[in-house]
Protein backbone atom coordinates (compact mmCIF):
# COMPACT_ATOMS: atom_id res chain seq x y z
CA MET A 1 -44.45 -64.89 -23.00
CA SER A 2 -43.18 -61.55 -21.74
CA GLN A 3 -41.49 -58.36 -22.90
CA HIS A 4 -38.10 -60.08 -23.04
CA VAL A 5 -38.89 -63.76 -23.67
CA GLY A 6 -40.90 -65.27 -26.51
CA LEU A 7 -41.87 -68.70 -27.83
CA VAL A 8 -41.48 -70.17 -31.29
CA ARG A 9 -42.69 -73.56 -32.47
CA VAL A 10 -39.90 -75.59 -34.06
CA PRO A 11 -40.90 -78.66 -36.11
CA LYS A 12 -39.97 -81.92 -34.35
CA ALA A 13 -38.75 -79.97 -31.32
CA GLY A 14 -41.88 -78.25 -30.04
CA TRP A 15 -42.07 -74.85 -28.41
CA VAL A 16 -38.69 -73.20 -27.81
CA ARG A 17 -38.08 -70.12 -25.69
CA PHE A 18 -35.88 -67.29 -26.94
CA ARG A 19 -34.91 -63.80 -25.84
CA TRP A 20 -36.18 -60.84 -27.85
CA SER A 21 -33.38 -58.59 -29.14
CA ARG A 22 -35.72 -56.25 -31.00
CA ALA A 23 -39.39 -55.83 -31.85
CA VAL A 24 -40.72 -57.87 -34.77
CA PRO A 25 -42.62 -55.79 -37.36
CA GLU A 26 -46.21 -56.68 -38.08
CA GLY A 27 -46.73 -59.05 -40.97
CA ALA A 28 -43.80 -61.37 -40.23
CA LYS A 29 -45.01 -64.86 -41.21
CA SER A 30 -41.90 -67.02 -41.30
CA TYR A 31 -38.63 -67.41 -39.46
CA ARG A 32 -35.23 -69.06 -39.76
CA ILE A 33 -33.10 -70.61 -37.02
CA THR A 34 -29.32 -70.55 -37.39
CA ARG A 35 -26.25 -71.36 -35.31
CA ASP A 36 -23.16 -69.19 -35.70
CA ARG A 37 -19.49 -70.19 -35.35
CA ALA A 38 -19.50 -69.06 -31.72
CA GLY A 39 -22.14 -71.71 -30.91
CA ARG A 40 -25.00 -69.20 -30.48
CA TRP A 41 -28.49 -69.94 -31.77
CA HIS A 42 -30.53 -67.19 -33.46
CA VAL A 43 -34.10 -66.97 -34.68
CA ALA A 44 -34.74 -64.41 -37.44
CA PHE A 45 -38.25 -63.43 -38.54
CA THR A 46 -38.83 -62.49 -42.17
CA ALA A 47 -40.00 -58.90 -42.51
CA ILE A 48 -39.26 -56.04 -44.90
CA PRO A 49 -38.52 -52.89 -42.85
CA VAL A 50 -40.06 -49.59 -43.86
CA PRO A 51 -37.49 -47.19 -45.41
CA ILE A 52 -36.59 -44.07 -43.47
CA ALA A 53 -38.30 -41.00 -44.87
CA SER A 54 -36.16 -38.20 -46.27
CA PRO A 55 -35.87 -35.22 -43.90
CA GLY A 56 -36.53 -32.82 -46.78
CA ASN A 57 -33.84 -30.35 -45.73
CA GLY A 58 -31.85 -30.51 -48.99
CA GLN A 59 -28.61 -31.42 -47.19
CA ILE A 60 -25.97 -33.55 -48.96
CA VAL A 61 -23.24 -35.47 -47.15
CA GLY A 62 -20.14 -37.14 -48.54
CA ILE A 63 -18.51 -40.17 -46.92
CA ASP A 64 -14.85 -41.06 -47.35
CA ARG A 65 -14.06 -44.55 -46.10
CA GLY A 66 -10.63 -45.25 -44.68
CA ILE A 67 -8.59 -47.28 -42.22
CA ALA A 68 -7.66 -44.83 -39.45
CA ALA A 69 -11.17 -43.38 -39.57
CA SER A 70 -13.72 -45.88 -40.86
CA ALA A 71 -15.91 -43.08 -42.21
CA ALA A 72 -15.09 -39.38 -42.54
CA LEU A 73 -18.07 -37.13 -43.25
CA SER A 74 -18.01 -33.89 -45.19
CA THR A 75 -19.44 -32.26 -42.06
CA GLY A 76 -16.08 -32.86 -40.33
CA GLU A 77 -17.14 -35.89 -38.29
CA LEU A 78 -14.69 -38.79 -38.02
CA LEU A 79 -16.32 -42.14 -37.22
CA THR A 80 -14.44 -45.30 -36.28
CA ALA A 81 -15.91 -48.80 -36.19
CA PRO A 82 -15.40 -50.47 -32.79
CA ARG A 83 -12.61 -53.01 -32.43
CA LEU A 84 -11.58 -55.43 -29.69
CA SER A 85 -10.30 -53.76 -26.54
CA GLY A 86 -6.66 -54.01 -25.55
CA GLN A 87 -7.30 -56.81 -23.06
CA ARG A 88 -9.31 -58.82 -25.57
CA LYS A 89 -6.60 -58.35 -28.21
CA LYS A 90 -4.06 -59.82 -25.79
CA ARG A 91 -6.38 -62.73 -25.09
CA MET A 92 -6.85 -63.26 -28.83
CA ARG A 93 -3.08 -63.46 -29.35
CA ARG A 94 -2.71 -65.94 -26.50
CA LEU A 95 -5.49 -68.10 -27.90
CA GLN A 96 -3.97 -68.04 -31.39
CA ARG A 97 -0.63 -69.22 -29.99
CA ARG A 98 -2.41 -72.01 -28.12
CA LEU A 99 -4.24 -72.97 -31.30
CA ALA A 100 -0.96 -73.23 -33.19
CA ARG A 101 0.38 -75.66 -30.56
CA ALA A 102 -2.78 -77.74 -30.25
CA ARG A 103 -2.93 -81.13 -31.95
CA PRO A 104 -5.33 -81.28 -34.92
CA GLY A 105 -8.55 -83.02 -34.01
CA SER A 106 -8.00 -82.75 -30.25
CA HIS A 107 -10.64 -81.54 -27.79
CA ARG A 108 -8.29 -78.79 -26.68
CA ARG A 109 -8.07 -77.46 -30.21
CA GLY A 110 -11.86 -77.43 -30.43
CA ARG A 111 -12.16 -75.45 -27.18
CA VAL A 112 -9.57 -72.91 -28.29
CA LYS A 113 -11.27 -72.46 -31.67
CA LEU A 114 -14.59 -71.85 -29.93
CA ALA A 115 -13.02 -69.23 -27.63
CA ILE A 116 -11.53 -67.44 -30.65
CA ALA A 117 -14.87 -67.59 -32.46
CA ARG A 118 -16.61 -65.97 -29.50
CA LEU A 119 -14.17 -63.07 -29.52
CA ARG A 120 -14.59 -62.66 -33.28
CA ALA A 121 -18.37 -62.76 -32.87
CA ARG A 122 -18.21 -60.06 -30.18
CA GLU A 123 -16.22 -57.81 -32.51
CA ALA A 124 -18.58 -58.47 -35.43
CA ASP A 125 -21.64 -57.73 -33.27
CA ALA A 126 -20.17 -54.39 -32.17
CA ARG A 127 -19.36 -53.50 -35.79
CA LYS A 128 -22.89 -54.35 -36.94
CA ASP A 129 -24.41 -52.32 -34.11
CA TRP A 130 -22.18 -49.36 -35.07
CA ALA A 131 -23.21 -49.59 -38.73
CA GLU A 132 -26.90 -49.77 -37.82
CA LYS A 133 -26.74 -46.68 -35.60
CA ILE A 134 -24.62 -44.62 -38.01
CA SER A 135 -26.73 -45.52 -41.06
CA THR A 136 -29.98 -44.72 -39.24
CA ASP A 137 -28.60 -41.38 -38.06
CA MET A 138 -27.44 -40.35 -41.54
CA ALA A 139 -30.69 -41.46 -43.19
CA HIS A 140 -32.56 -39.19 -40.77
CA ARG A 141 -30.21 -36.21 -41.18
CA PHE A 142 -29.47 -35.98 -44.91
CA ASP A 143 -31.48 -35.99 -48.12
CA VAL A 144 -28.62 -37.25 -50.31
CA ILE A 145 -25.73 -39.47 -49.20
CA ARG A 146 -22.74 -39.74 -51.54
CA VAL A 147 -20.06 -42.40 -51.23
CA GLU A 148 -17.10 -43.59 -53.26
CA ASN A 149 -17.89 -46.31 -55.76
CA LEU A 150 -15.56 -48.95 -54.29
CA ARG A 151 -15.62 -52.67 -55.11
CA VAL A 152 -14.82 -53.80 -51.58
CA LYS A 153 -15.07 -57.50 -52.44
CA LYS A 154 -12.44 -57.19 -55.17
CA MET A 155 -10.28 -54.89 -53.07
CA THR A 156 -10.05 -57.52 -50.34
CA HIS A 157 -9.05 -60.42 -52.59
CA SER A 158 -5.99 -62.30 -51.44
CA ALA A 159 -2.64 -61.40 -53.05
CA ARG A 160 -1.27 -64.89 -52.45
CA GLY A 161 -1.40 -65.91 -56.10
CA SER A 162 -0.48 -69.47 -57.10
CA GLY A 163 2.58 -71.70 -57.08
CA GLY A 164 3.42 -70.78 -60.66
CA ASN A 165 2.60 -67.10 -60.21
CA PRO A 166 3.15 -66.13 -56.55
CA GLY A 167 1.90 -62.79 -55.30
CA ARG A 168 3.86 -59.89 -53.88
CA SER A 169 3.65 -58.30 -50.41
CA VAL A 170 1.20 -60.99 -49.39
CA ARG A 171 1.46 -60.34 -45.65
CA ALA A 172 0.99 -56.58 -46.04
CA LYS A 173 -2.00 -57.10 -48.34
CA ALA A 174 -3.54 -59.56 -45.88
CA GLY A 175 -3.22 -56.97 -43.10
CA LEU A 176 -4.81 -54.33 -45.33
CA ASN A 177 -7.67 -56.70 -46.17
CA ARG A 178 -8.34 -57.34 -42.47
CA ALA A 179 -8.32 -53.60 -41.73
CA ILE A 180 -10.78 -52.86 -44.55
CA LEU A 181 -13.17 -55.58 -43.42
CA ALA A 182 -12.87 -54.52 -39.77
CA SER A 183 -13.84 -50.97 -40.79
CA GLY A 184 -17.19 -52.16 -42.15
CA TRP A 185 -16.93 -50.38 -45.51
CA GLY A 186 -19.37 -52.59 -47.36
CA LEU A 187 -21.72 -53.09 -44.41
CA LEU A 188 -22.21 -49.35 -43.85
CA VAL A 189 -23.06 -48.58 -47.48
CA ARG A 190 -25.34 -51.62 -47.79
CA ARG A 191 -27.37 -50.57 -44.77
CA LEU A 192 -27.56 -46.98 -46.07
CA GLU A 193 -28.94 -48.23 -49.38
CA GLU A 194 -31.52 -50.35 -47.58
CA LYS A 195 -32.63 -47.60 -45.18
CA ALA A 196 -32.49 -44.71 -47.65
CA PRO A 197 -33.29 -46.28 -51.06
CA GLY A 198 -32.80 -43.90 -53.96
CA ARG A 199 -30.91 -41.40 -51.82
CA VAL A 200 -27.45 -43.02 -51.89
CA GLU A 201 -25.29 -41.95 -54.83
CA LYS A 202 -21.94 -43.45 -55.82
CA ILE A 203 -19.25 -41.41 -57.52
CA SER A 204 -15.88 -42.28 -59.00
CA PRO A 205 -13.16 -42.21 -56.32
CA ALA A 206 -10.46 -40.99 -58.73
CA PHE A 207 -8.27 -38.28 -57.18
CA THR A 208 -10.81 -37.29 -54.53
CA SER A 209 -8.01 -37.42 -51.93
CA GLN A 210 -5.68 -35.21 -54.03
CA ARG A 211 -8.16 -32.50 -55.00
CA CYS A 212 -8.46 -29.38 -52.87
CA SER A 213 -12.09 -28.97 -51.83
CA ALA A 214 -11.58 -25.18 -51.59
CA CYS A 215 -9.97 -24.25 -54.93
CA GLY A 216 -10.10 -27.48 -56.98
CA HIS A 217 -6.33 -27.80 -57.47
CA VAL A 218 -5.11 -31.38 -57.90
CA ASP A 219 -1.68 -32.31 -56.58
CA ALA A 220 -0.50 -35.49 -54.88
CA LYS A 221 1.94 -33.38 -52.80
CA SER A 222 -0.97 -31.61 -51.13
CA ARG A 223 -1.59 -34.67 -49.01
CA GLU A 224 1.29 -34.31 -46.58
CA SER A 225 0.39 -37.38 -44.54
CA GLN A 226 -2.39 -39.85 -43.91
CA ALA A 227 -4.31 -37.28 -41.86
CA ARG A 228 -3.16 -33.85 -43.10
CA PHE A 229 -4.02 -32.08 -46.37
CA VAL A 230 -2.46 -28.72 -47.26
CA CYS A 231 -3.18 -27.38 -50.74
CA THR A 232 0.00 -26.44 -52.64
CA ALA A 233 -1.91 -23.78 -54.59
CA CYS A 234 -4.11 -21.89 -52.11
CA GLY A 235 -2.74 -23.11 -48.76
CA PHE A 236 -6.08 -24.52 -47.59
CA ALA A 237 -5.48 -26.97 -44.70
CA CYS A 238 -7.87 -29.67 -43.56
CA HIS A 239 -8.03 -33.23 -42.33
CA ALA A 240 -7.21 -35.30 -45.42
CA ASP A 241 -10.21 -37.62 -45.09
CA VAL A 242 -12.62 -34.73 -44.48
CA ASN A 243 -11.24 -32.94 -47.56
CA ALA A 244 -11.87 -36.08 -49.63
CA ALA A 245 -15.38 -36.38 -48.17
CA ARG A 246 -16.16 -32.80 -49.24
CA ASN A 247 -15.08 -33.62 -52.80
CA ILE A 248 -17.32 -36.69 -52.69
CA ALA A 249 -20.24 -34.60 -51.38
CA ALA A 250 -19.77 -32.17 -54.28
CA GLY A 251 -19.75 -35.08 -56.75
CA HIS A 252 -16.27 -34.24 -58.00
CA ALA A 253 -14.27 -36.85 -59.87
CA VAL A 254 -11.12 -35.24 -61.26
CA THR A 255 -9.01 -36.46 -64.17
CA ALA A 256 -5.24 -36.82 -64.03
CA ARG A 257 -5.02 -33.83 -66.40
CA GLY A 258 -6.33 -32.01 -63.30
CA GLY A 259 -5.76 -28.77 -61.61
CA ASP A 260 -8.70 -27.03 -63.28
CA GLY A 261 -11.19 -28.18 -60.65
CA VAL A 262 -13.76 -29.24 -63.23
CA ALA A 263 -16.47 -31.43 -61.74
CA ARG A 264 -17.86 -34.42 -63.55
CA PRO A 265 -21.46 -35.56 -63.22
CA VAL A 266 -22.23 -38.04 -60.49
CA ASN A 267 -21.49 -41.54 -61.76
CA ARG A 268 -24.25 -43.90 -60.74
CA GLU A 269 -22.83 -46.91 -62.65
CA PRO A 270 -20.43 -49.28 -60.87
CA GLN A 271 -16.76 -49.05 -61.84
CA LEU A 272 -13.90 -51.37 -61.01
CA LEU A 273 -11.37 -50.21 -58.46
CA ALA A 274 -8.49 -52.65 -58.49
CA SER A 275 -6.77 -51.62 -55.25
CA LEU A 276 -6.83 -49.13 -52.43
CA THR A 277 -4.03 -47.10 -54.01
CA GLY A 278 -6.12 -46.63 -57.11
CA ARG A 279 -7.83 -43.65 -55.51
CA GLU A 280 -4.70 -41.87 -54.43
């Protein structure tokens, strides 16, 4: 109908107006209508996007995914996925307390659940937008993108266990799982693989955070804190996540025998990483 409003014919409902959020590529022949948990309706047209062409500059970037910084690049950039603002976090806590007091099956409980879903949807939309922009930017800037070979789905499994075999540190693990998912680890890599097919390489994450990117020395004591890395051999100092990203960019996966700085070939086959501490 116009630049911002379109029409789609829905069987048994007739023509329905919707607002364009982006241009539809040529060749789209089908669509799907869905309703999310926040009560919003979406129409998605089926189309395969064209991959982003390699810039041809020979540049390689490494990405270290973390909690404080969602993605640290070997170039020194620290990127953080957007979260709810302070005011919205307070509102979320108030709504969760109201939900706990609400009677199951009541209309009030339904309204509170919808309000919480809308806040969650806002956060998820911002995270998706961030991942789209960052992945597009990196696909345009670098020929090769190297990331840790992390099994995010397995890393975020619940530690609750069962009645006969209860888990340990369940609350702490649940908080870690939420932080990993809120950082968009899997989403960012998936969009990179879709936008830059054949240019995303995965390497083993073993000891990348303990290896000095300057001299190759491996020592757990070199990582003084979550953010600071100071090599115990050569004194090289750097942001810990950026140092790990540089090791990833170089394709280094060091053994525990370490200290010799020997680099292994890039591992393109998936490996199992049982927990976040498995790469420390």
